[in-house]
Amino acid sequence: MDCISSIGAAAMSQSPEYDPDAVLKVAAQSHPNAIAGAIAGIIRSRGHVEIQAIGPGAINQAIKAVAVARGYLRPDCIEIGFIPSFFEVTIGGQERTAMRLLVEVHTAIAQDEI
């Protein structure tokens, strides 16, 4: 299988604009493998996913999930990466700083790299 041609044209052409259906909210108690499965599924269908996390425990789980998702996507010749950023949210009347990870298809992997 040619990995470059195996990436869906729809997934590669999607722009990473805000899409509420492509947003995952991760908590410190989230299971990285479950989040990784969701990341892989959304990446396959949309080409990008936004992960939101508040606090060090949640950010840790989110990053572990991205690492696991890379392994799930490798057999499909899809490589992902993420762009981190901060944003403000109001929770219980208090401003909190959250982290956003924009995960997107980074490049195709050659079949012999799998």
C-alpha atoms as a PDB file:
ATOM      1  CA  MET A   1       0.000   0.000   0.000  1.00  0.00           C
ATOM      2  CA  ASP A   2       1.256   3.475  -0.869  1.00  0.00           C
ATOM      3  CA  CYS A   3       0.954   5.460   2.353  1.00  0.00           C
ATOM      4  CA  ILE A   4       0.879   8.852   0.695  1.00  0.00           C
ATOM      5  CA  SER A   5      -2.185   7.957  -1.350  1.00  0.00           C
ATOM      6  CA  SER A   6      -3.871   6.149   1.567  1.00  0.00           C
ATOM      7  CA  ILE A   7      -4.619   9.367   3.450  1.00  0.00           C
ATOM      8  CA  GLY A   8      -8.132  10.410   2.615  1.00  0.00           C
ATOM      9  CA  ALA A   9      -8.370  13.510   0.470  1.00  0.00           C
ATOM     10  CA  ALA A  10     -11.184  14.791   2.676  1.00  0.00           C
ATOM     11  CA  ALA A  11      -9.080  14.481   5.810  1.00  0.00           C
ATOM     12  CA  MET A  12      -6.114  16.252   4.236  1.00  0.00           C
ATOM     13  CA  SER A  13      -8.205  19.105   2.831  1.00  0.00           C
ATOM     14  CA  GLN A  14     -10.099  19.935   6.020  1.00  0.00           C
ATOM     15  CA  SER A  15      -9.096  23.219   7.578  1.00  0.00           C
ATOM     16  CA  PRO A  16      -8.551  23.187  11.349  1.00  0.00           C
ATOM     17  CA  GLU A  17     -11.220  25.805  12.057  1.00  0.00           C
ATOM     18  CA  TYR A  18     -13.322  25.471  15.192  1.00  0.00           C
ATOM     19  CA  ASP A  19     -15.680  22.546  14.917  1.00  0.00           C
ATOM     20  CA  PRO A  20     -17.661  21.658  18.060  1.00  0.00           C
ATOM     21  CA  ASP A  21     -17.918  18.034  16.895  1.00  0.00           C
ATOM     22  CA  ALA A  22     -14.122  17.803  16.779  1.00  0.00           C
ATOM     23  CA  VAL A  23     -13.470  19.001  20.365  1.00  0.00           C
ATOM     24  CA  LEU A  24     -12.472  16.608  23.139  1.00  0.00           C
ATOM     25  CA  LYS A  25     -12.405  17.780  26.751  1.00  0.00           C
ATOM     26  CA  VAL A  26      -9.897  15.843  28.825  1.00  0.00           C
ATOM     27  CA  ALA A  27      -9.851  15.602  32.624  1.00  0.00           C
ATOM     28  CA  ALA A  28      -7.131  14.374  34.957  1.00  0.00           C
ATOM     29  CA  GLN A  29      -9.186  11.187  35.433  1.00  0.00           C
ATOM     30  CA  SER A  30      -9.566  10.536  31.683  1.00  0.00           C
ATOM     31  CA  HIS A  31      -8.142   7.275  30.357  1.00  0.00           C
ATOM     32  CA  PRO A  32      -5.480   8.025  27.712  1.00  0.00           C
ATOM     33  CA  ASN A  33      -6.291   4.912  25.643  1.00  0.00           C
ATOM     34  CA  ALA A  34      -9.967   5.876  25.395  1.00  0.00           C
ATOM     35  CA  ILE A  35      -9.122   9.464  24.437  1.00  0.00           C
ATOM     36  CA  ALA A  36      -6.552   8.138  21.932  1.00  0.00           C
ATOM     37  CA  GLY A  37      -9.239   6.058  20.221  1.00  0.00           C
ATOM     38  CA  ALA A  38     -11.447   9.128  19.936  1.00  0.00           C
ATOM     39  CA  ILE A  39      -8.541  11.189  18.575  1.00  0.00           C
ATOM     40  CA  ALA A  40      -7.750   8.541  15.949  1.00  0.00           C
ATOM     41  CA  GLY A  41     -11.384   8.282  14.862  1.00  0.00           C
ATOM     42  CA  ILE A  42     -11.843  12.030  14.500  1.00  0.00           C
ATOM     43  CA  ILE A  43      -8.497  12.415  12.704  1.00  0.00           C
ATOM     44  CA  ARG A  44      -9.519   9.730  10.208  1.00  0.00           C
ATOM     45  CA  SER A  45     -12.843  11.443   9.488  1.00  0.00           C
ATOM     46  CA  ARG A  46     -12.035  15.154   9.819  1.00  0.00           C
ATOM     47  CA  GLY A  47      -8.250  15.447   9.619  1.00  0.00           C
ATOM     48  CA  HIS A  48      -8.017  17.441  12.859  1.00  0.00           C
ATOM     49  CA  VAL A  49      -9.273  17.472  16.429  1.00  0.00           C
ATOM     50  CA  GLU A  50      -9.090  20.020  19.220  1.00  0.00           C
ATOM     51  CA  ILE A  51      -8.296  18.823  22.745  1.00  0.00           C
ATOM     52  CA  GLN A  52      -9.043  21.053  25.734  1.00  0.00           C
ATOM     53  CA  ALA A  53      -7.573  20.478  29.193  1.00  0.00           C
ATOM     54  CA  ILE A  54      -7.392  22.444  32.434  1.00  0.00           C
ATOM     55  CA  GLY A  55      -4.704  21.689  35.001  1.00  0.00           C
ATOM     56  CA  PRO A  56      -1.496  19.701  34.937  1.00  0.00           C
ATOM     57  CA  GLY A  57      -3.148  16.283  35.385  1.00  0.00           C
ATOM     58  CA  ALA A  58      -5.516  16.831  32.476  1.00  0.00           C
ATOM     59  CA  ILE A  59      -2.753  18.182  30.245  1.00  0.00           C
ATOM     60  CA  ASN A  60      -0.620  15.145  31.085  1.00  0.00           C
ATOM     61  CA  GLN A  61      -3.454  12.768  30.126  1.00  0.00           C
ATOM     62  CA  ALA A  62      -4.097  14.690  26.899  1.00  0.00           C
ATOM     63  CA  ILE A  63      -0.477  14.515  25.781  1.00  0.00           C
ATOM     64  CA  LYS A  64      -0.273  10.805  26.628  1.00  0.00           C
ATOM     65  CA  ALA A  65      -3.433  10.270  24.561  1.00  0.00           C
ATOM     66  CA  VAL A  66      -1.878  11.997  21.531  1.00  0.00           C
ATOM     67  CA  ALA A  67       1.184   9.756  21.845  1.00  0.00           C
ATOM     68  CA  VAL A  68      -1.004   6.627  21.988  1.00  0.00           C
ATOM     69  CA  ALA A  69      -3.130   7.877  19.063  1.00  0.00           C
ATOM     70  CA  ARG A  70       0.029   8.122  16.929  1.00  0.00           C
ATOM     71  CA  GLY A  71       0.428   4.387  17.387  1.00  0.00           C
ATOM     72  CA  TYR A  72      -3.215   3.764  16.457  1.00  0.00           C
ATOM     73  CA  LEU A  73      -2.833   5.810  13.246  1.00  0.00           C
ATOM     74  CA  ARG A  74       0.535   4.432  12.133  1.00  0.00           C
ATOM     75  CA  PRO A  75      -0.919   1.345  10.389  1.00  0.00           C
ATOM     76  CA  ASP A  76      -3.020   3.766   8.298  1.00  0.00           C
ATOM     77  CA  CYS A  77       0.137   5.700   7.345  1.00  0.00           C
ATOM     78  CA  ILE A  78      -1.079   8.815   9.155  1.00  0.00           C
ATOM     79  CA  GLU A  79       1.322  10.907  11.231  1.00  0.00           C
ATOM     80  CA  ILE A  80      -0.060  13.543  13.597  1.00  0.00           C
ATOM     81  CA  GLY A  81       1.326  16.453  15.540  1.00  0.00           C
ATOM     82  CA  PHE A  82      -0.183  19.172  17.698  1.00  0.00           C
ATOM     83  CA  ILE A  83       0.000  22.903  18.221  1.00  0.00           C
ATOM     84  CA  PRO A  84      -0.471  23.974  21.864  1.00  0.00           C
ATOM     85  CA  SER A  85      -2.071  27.254  22.907  1.00  0.00           C
ATOM     86  CA  PHE A  86      -3.699  28.817  25.945  1.00  0.00           C
ATOM     87  CA  PHE A  87      -7.197  30.233  26.309  1.00  0.00           C
ATOM     88  CA  GLU A  88      -9.302  31.623  29.138  1.00  0.00           C
ATOM     89  CA  VAL A  89     -12.481  29.983  30.446  1.00  0.00           C
ATOM     90  CA  THR A  90     -14.858  30.968  33.209  1.00  0.00           C
ATOM     91  CA  ILE A  91     -15.694  28.208  35.680  1.00  0.00           C
ATOM     92  CA  GLY A  92     -17.807  28.981  38.721  1.00  0.00           C
ATOM     93  CA  GLY A  93     -17.367  32.705  38.147  1.00  0.00           C
ATOM     94  CA  GLN A  94     -13.570  32.422  38.116  1.00  0.00           C
ATOM     95  CA  GLU A  95     -11.275  32.895  35.148  1.00  0.00           C
ATOM     96  CA  ARG A  96      -9.083  29.854  34.501  1.00  0.00           C
ATOM     97  CA  THR A  97      -6.364  29.301  31.949  1.00  0.00           C
ATOM     98  CA  ALA A  98      -6.878  26.195  29.851  1.00  0.00           C
ATOM     99  CA  MET A  99      -4.678  24.526  27.265  1.00  0.00           C
ATOM    100  CA  ARG A 100      -5.797  23.756  23.741  1.00  0.00           C
ATOM    101  CA  LEU A 101      -3.991  21.160  21.628  1.00  0.00           C
ATOM    102  CA  LEU A 102      -4.851  21.376  17.946  1.00  0.00           C
ATOM    103  CA  VAL A 103      -4.027  17.897  16.644  1.00  0.00           C
ATOM    104  CA  GLU A 104      -3.745  17.581  12.876  1.00  0.00           C
ATOM    105  CA  VAL A 105      -2.334  15.342  10.198  1.00  0.00           C
ATOM    106  CA  HIS A 106       1.318  16.221  10.031  1.00  0.00           C
ATOM    107  CA  THR A 107       2.523  14.175   7.074  1.00  0.00           C
ATOM    108  CA  ALA A 108       2.227  10.791   5.472  1.00  0.00           C
ATOM    109  CA  ILE A 109       4.626   8.054   6.516  1.00  0.00           C
ATOM    110  CA  ALA A 110       6.366   5.905   3.967  1.00  0.00           C
ATOM    111  CA  GLN A 111       5.282   2.270   4.128  1.00  0.00           C
ATOM    112  CA  ASP A 112       8.832   1.108   4.901  1.00  0.00           C
ATOM    113  CA  GLU A 113       8.878   3.299   8.056  1.00  0.00           C
ATOM    114  CA  ILE A 114       6.042   1.310   9.662  1.00  0.00           C
END
